[in-house]
PDB file of N, CA and C in Angstrom:
ATOM      1  N   MET A   1       0.968  -1.115  -0.015  1.00  0.00           N
ATOM      2  CA  MET A   1       0.146  -0.102  -0.075  1.00  0.00           C
ATOM      3  C   MET A   1       1.031   1.223   0.010  1.00  0.00           C
ATOM      4  N   THR A   2       1.829   1.319   0.648  1.00  0.00           N
ATOM      5  CA  THR A   2       2.786   2.619   0.738  1.00  0.00           C
ATOM      6  C   THR A   2       3.453   2.518  -0.576  1.00  0.00           C
ATOM      7  N   TYR A   3       3.904   1.240  -1.039  1.00  0.00           N
ATOM      8  CA  TYR A   3       4.225   1.481  -2.375  1.00  0.00           C
ATOM      9  C   TYR A   3       3.632   2.451  -3.558  1.00  0.00           C
ATOM     10  N   LEU A   4       2.360   1.965  -3.344  1.00  0.00           N
ATOM     11  CA  LEU A   4       1.121   2.694  -4.353  1.00  0.00           C
ATOM     12  C   LEU A   4       1.113   4.143  -4.151  1.00  0.00           C
ATOM     13  N   LEU A   5       1.220   4.645  -2.752  1.00  0.00           N
ATOM     14  CA  LEU A   5       1.084   6.013  -2.271  1.00  0.00           C
ATOM     15  C   LEU A   5       2.416   6.665  -2.879  1.00  0.00           C
ATOM     16  N   ASP A   6       3.534   6.022  -2.610  1.00  0.00           N
ATOM     17  CA  ASP A   6       4.778   6.690  -3.072  1.00  0.00           C
ATOM     18  C   ASP A   6       4.906   6.920  -4.510  1.00  0.00           C
ATOM     19  N   PHE A   7       4.332   5.794  -5.179  1.00  0.00           N
ATOM     20  CA  PHE A   7       4.525   5.929  -6.863  1.00  0.00           C
ATOM     21  C   PHE A   7       3.205   7.152  -6.964  1.00  0.00           C
ATOM     22  N   MET A   8       2.046   7.244  -6.572  1.00  0.00           N
ATOM     23  CA  MET A   8       1.202   8.318  -6.840  1.00  0.00           C
ATOM     24  C   MET A   8       1.812   9.577  -6.663  1.00  0.00           C
ATOM     25  N   SER A   9       2.743   9.827  -5.367  1.00  0.00           N
ATOM     26  CA  SER A   9       3.258  11.041  -5.200  1.00  0.00           C
ATOM     27  C   SER A   9       4.039  11.431  -6.055  1.00  0.00           C
ATOM     28  N   GLN A  10       4.969  10.590  -6.325  1.00  0.00           N
ATOM     29  CA  GLN A  10       6.130  10.957  -7.502  1.00  0.00           C
ATOM     30  C   GLN A  10       5.267  11.019  -8.863  1.00  0.00           C
ATOM     31  N   LEU A  11       4.168  10.613  -9.110  1.00  0.00           N
ATOM     32  CA  LEU A  11       3.687  10.689 -10.358  1.00  0.00           C
ATOM     33  C   LEU A  11       3.059  12.233 -10.423  1.00  0.00           C
ATOM     34  N   VAL A  12       2.507  12.716  -9.251  1.00  0.00           N
ATOM     35  CA  VAL A  12       2.004  14.073  -9.136  1.00  0.00           C
ATOM     36  C   VAL A  12       3.120  15.048  -9.332  1.00  0.00           C
ATOM     37  N   ILE A  13       4.135  14.893  -8.611  1.00  0.00           N
ATOM     38  CA  ILE A  13       5.400  15.811  -8.698  1.00  0.00           C
ATOM     39  C   ILE A  13       5.845  15.966  -9.906  1.00  0.00           C
ATOM     40  N   ALA A  14       6.003  14.811 -10.703  1.00  0.00           N
ATOM     41  CA  ALA A  14       6.410  14.778 -12.114  1.00  0.00           C
ATOM     42  C   ALA A  14       5.540  15.588 -12.973  1.00  0.00           C
ATOM     43  N   LEU A  15       3.994  15.479 -12.846  1.00  0.00           N
ATOM     44  CA  LEU A  15       3.073  15.915 -13.672  1.00  0.00           C
ATOM     45  C   LEU A  15       3.267  17.725 -13.311  1.00  0.00           C
ATOM     46  N   ALA A  16       3.255  18.038 -11.875  1.00  0.00           N
ATOM     47  CA  ALA A  16       3.369  19.493 -11.639  1.00  0.00           C
ATOM     48  C   ALA A  16       4.555  20.001 -12.293  1.00  0.00           C
ATOM     49  N   VAL A  17       5.940  19.467 -12.210  1.00  0.00           N
ATOM     50  CA  VAL A  17       6.994  19.876 -12.580  1.00  0.00           C
ATOM     51  C   VAL A  17       6.660  20.090 -14.206  1.00  0.00           C
ATOM     52  N   GLY A  18       6.497  18.893 -14.734  1.00  0.00           N
ATOM     53  CA  GLY A  18       6.261  18.987 -16.151  1.00  0.00           C
ATOM     54  C   GLY A  18       5.412  20.197 -16.917  1.00  0.00           C
ATOM     55  N   PHE A  19       4.008  20.383 -16.083  1.00  0.00           N
ATOM     56  CA  PHE A  19       3.149  21.443 -16.422  1.00  0.00           C
ATOM     57  C   PHE A  19       3.962  22.855 -16.426  1.00  0.00           C
ATOM     58  N   THR A  20       4.847  22.980 -15.050  1.00  0.00           N
ATOM     59  CA  THR A  20       5.413  24.100 -14.983  1.00  0.00           C
ATOM     60  C   THR A  20       6.185  24.609 -16.164  1.00  0.00           C
ATOM     61  N   PHE A  21       7.167  23.416 -16.522  1.00  0.00           N
ATOM     62  CA  PHE A  21       8.050  23.736 -17.482  1.00  0.00           C
ATOM     63  C   PHE A  21       7.369  24.067 -18.808  1.00  0.00           C
ATOM     64  N   GLY A  22       6.313  23.253 -18.919  1.00  0.00           N
ATOM     65  CA  GLY A  22       5.373  23.487 -20.369  1.00  0.00           C
ATOM     66  C   GLY A  22       4.903  24.694 -20.448  1.00  0.00           C
ATOM     67  N   ALA A  23       4.399  25.298 -19.339  1.00  0.00           N
ATOM     68  CA  ALA A  23       3.735  26.685 -19.288  1.00  0.00           C
ATOM     69  C   ALA A  23       4.858  27.861 -19.548  1.00  0.00           C
ATOM     70  N   ALA A  24       6.048  27.506 -18.865  1.00  0.00           N
ATOM     71  CA  ALA A  24       7.123  28.684 -19.196  1.00  0.00           C
ATOM     72  C   ALA A  24       7.380  28.430 -20.604  1.00  0.00           C
ATOM     73  N   PHE A  25       7.598  27.336 -21.380  1.00  0.00           N
ATOM     74  CA  PHE A  25       8.160  27.168 -22.589  1.00  0.00           C
ATOM     75  C   PHE A  25       7.152  27.798 -23.595  1.00  0.00           C
ATOM     76  N   ALA A  26       6.098  27.322 -23.289  1.00  0.00           N
ATOM     77  CA  ALA A  26       4.804  28.014 -24.055  1.00  0.00           C
ATOM     78  C   ALA A  26       4.875  29.583 -24.061  1.00  0.00           C
ATOM     79  N   ASN A  27       5.063  30.153 -22.889  1.00  0.00           N
ATOM     80  CA  ASN A  27       4.982  31.574 -22.838  1.00  0.00           C
ATOM     81  C   ASN A  27       6.147  31.899 -23.522  1.00  0.00           C
ATOM     82  N   VAL A  28       7.251  31.676 -23.684  1.00  0.00           N
ATOM     83  CA  VAL A  28       8.498  31.969 -24.224  1.00  0.00           C
ATOM     84  C   VAL A  28       8.312  31.922 -25.851  1.00  0.00           C
ATOM     85  N   LEU A  29       7.713  30.911 -26.267  1.00  0.00           N
ATOM     86  CA  LEU A  29       7.201  30.675 -27.651  1.00  0.00           C
ATOM     87  C   LEU A  29       6.325  31.526 -28.191  1.00  0.00           C
ATOM     88  N   ILE A  30       5.116  31.819 -27.388  1.00  0.00           N
ATOM     89  CA  ILE A  30       4.324  32.807 -27.788  1.00  0.00           C
ATOM     90  C   ILE A  30       4.766  34.324 -27.703  1.00  0.00           C
ATOM     91  N   ALA A  31       5.607  34.613 -26.887  1.00  0.00           N
ATOM     92  CA  ALA A  31       6.437  35.790 -26.872  1.00  0.00           C
ATOM     93  C   ALA A  31       7.418  36.250 -28.184  1.00  0.00           C
ATOM     94  N   ARG A  32       8.074  35.197 -28.712  1.00  0.00           N
ATOM     95  CA  ARG A  32       8.563  35.251 -29.622  1.00  0.00           C
ATOM     96  C   ARG A  32       7.930  35.276 -30.962  1.00  0.00           C
ATOM     97  N   LEU A  33       6.902  34.398 -30.988  1.00  0.00           N
ATOM     98  CA  LEU A  33       5.869  34.785 -32.163  1.00  0.00           C
ATOM     99  C   LEU A  33       5.295  36.107 -32.210  1.00  0.00           C
ATOM    100  N   GLU A  34       4.900  36.712 -31.087  1.00  0.00           N
ATOM    101  CA  GLU A  34       4.524  38.157 -31.060  1.00  0.00           C
ATOM    102  C   GLU A  34       5.292  39.208 -31.679  1.00  0.00           C
ATOM    103  N   LYS A  35       6.786  39.110 -31.018  1.00  0.00           N
ATOM    104  CA  LYS A  35       7.866  39.691 -31.639  1.00  0.00           C
ATOM    105  C   LYS A  35       8.003  39.519 -33.383  1.00  0.00           C
ATOM    106  N   ARG A  36       7.875  38.490 -33.607  1.00  0.00           N
ATOM    107  CA  ARG A  36       8.098  38.227 -35.040  1.00  0.00           C
ATOM    108  C   ARG A  36       6.937  38.981 -35.817  1.00  0.00           C
ATOM    109  N   GLU A  37       5.662  38.706 -35.551  1.00  0.00           N
ATOM    110  CA  GLU A  37       4.596  39.494 -35.935  1.00  0.00           C
ATOM    111  C   GLU A  37       4.710  40.870 -36.050  1.00  0.00           C
ATOM    112  N   LYS A  38       5.196  41.470 -34.670  1.00  0.00           N
ATOM    113  CA  LYS A  38       5.417  42.884 -34.859  1.00  0.00           C
ATOM    114  C   LYS A  38       6.458  43.361 -35.882  1.00  0.00           C
ATOM    115  N   LYS A  39       7.648  42.756 -35.990  1.00  0.00           N
ATOM    116  CA  LYS A  39       8.456  42.940 -36.954  1.00  0.00           C
ATOM    117  C   LYS A  39       7.919  43.056 -38.392  1.00  0.00           C
ATOM    118  N   LYS A  40       7.315  42.254 -38.541  1.00  0.00           N
ATOM    119  CA  LYS A  40       6.448  41.782 -39.834  1.00  0.00           C
ATOM    120  C   LYS A  40       5.648  43.114 -40.192  1.00  0.00           C
ATOM    121  N   ASN A  41       5.039  43.594 -39.131  1.00  0.00           N
ATOM    122  CA  ASN A  41       3.998  44.580 -39.235  1.00  0.00           C
ATOM    123  C   ASN A  41       4.745  46.135 -39.370  1.00  0.00           C
ATOM    124  N   ASP A  42       5.736  46.137 -38.717  1.00  0.00           N
ATOM    125  CA  ASP A  42       6.605  47.348 -38.805  1.00  0.00           C
ATOM    126  C   ASP A  42       7.334  47.533 -40.227  1.00  0.00           C
ATOM    127  N   VAL A  43       7.668  46.625 -40.862  1.00  0.00           N
ATOM    128  CA  VAL A  43       8.331  46.392 -42.093  1.00  0.00           C
ATOM    129  C   VAL A  43       7.481  46.782 -43.355  1.00  0.00           C
ATOM    130  N   GLN A  44       6.023  46.562 -42.895  1.00  0.00           N
ATOM    131  CA  GLN A  44       5.030  47.105 -43.902  1.00  0.00           C
ATOM    132  C   GLN A  44       4.558  48.355 -43.508  1.00  0.00           C
TER     133      GLN A  44
END
């Protein structure tokens, strides 16, 4: 039983860390895309 709880806690921690990094990575990508769009608009 303790093994199952340990596994569940590990899984929850892994998901939380993955979600945090994923969100940060997505924010960086979105910021870059917005900058690129602004450059295109400025050129025109």
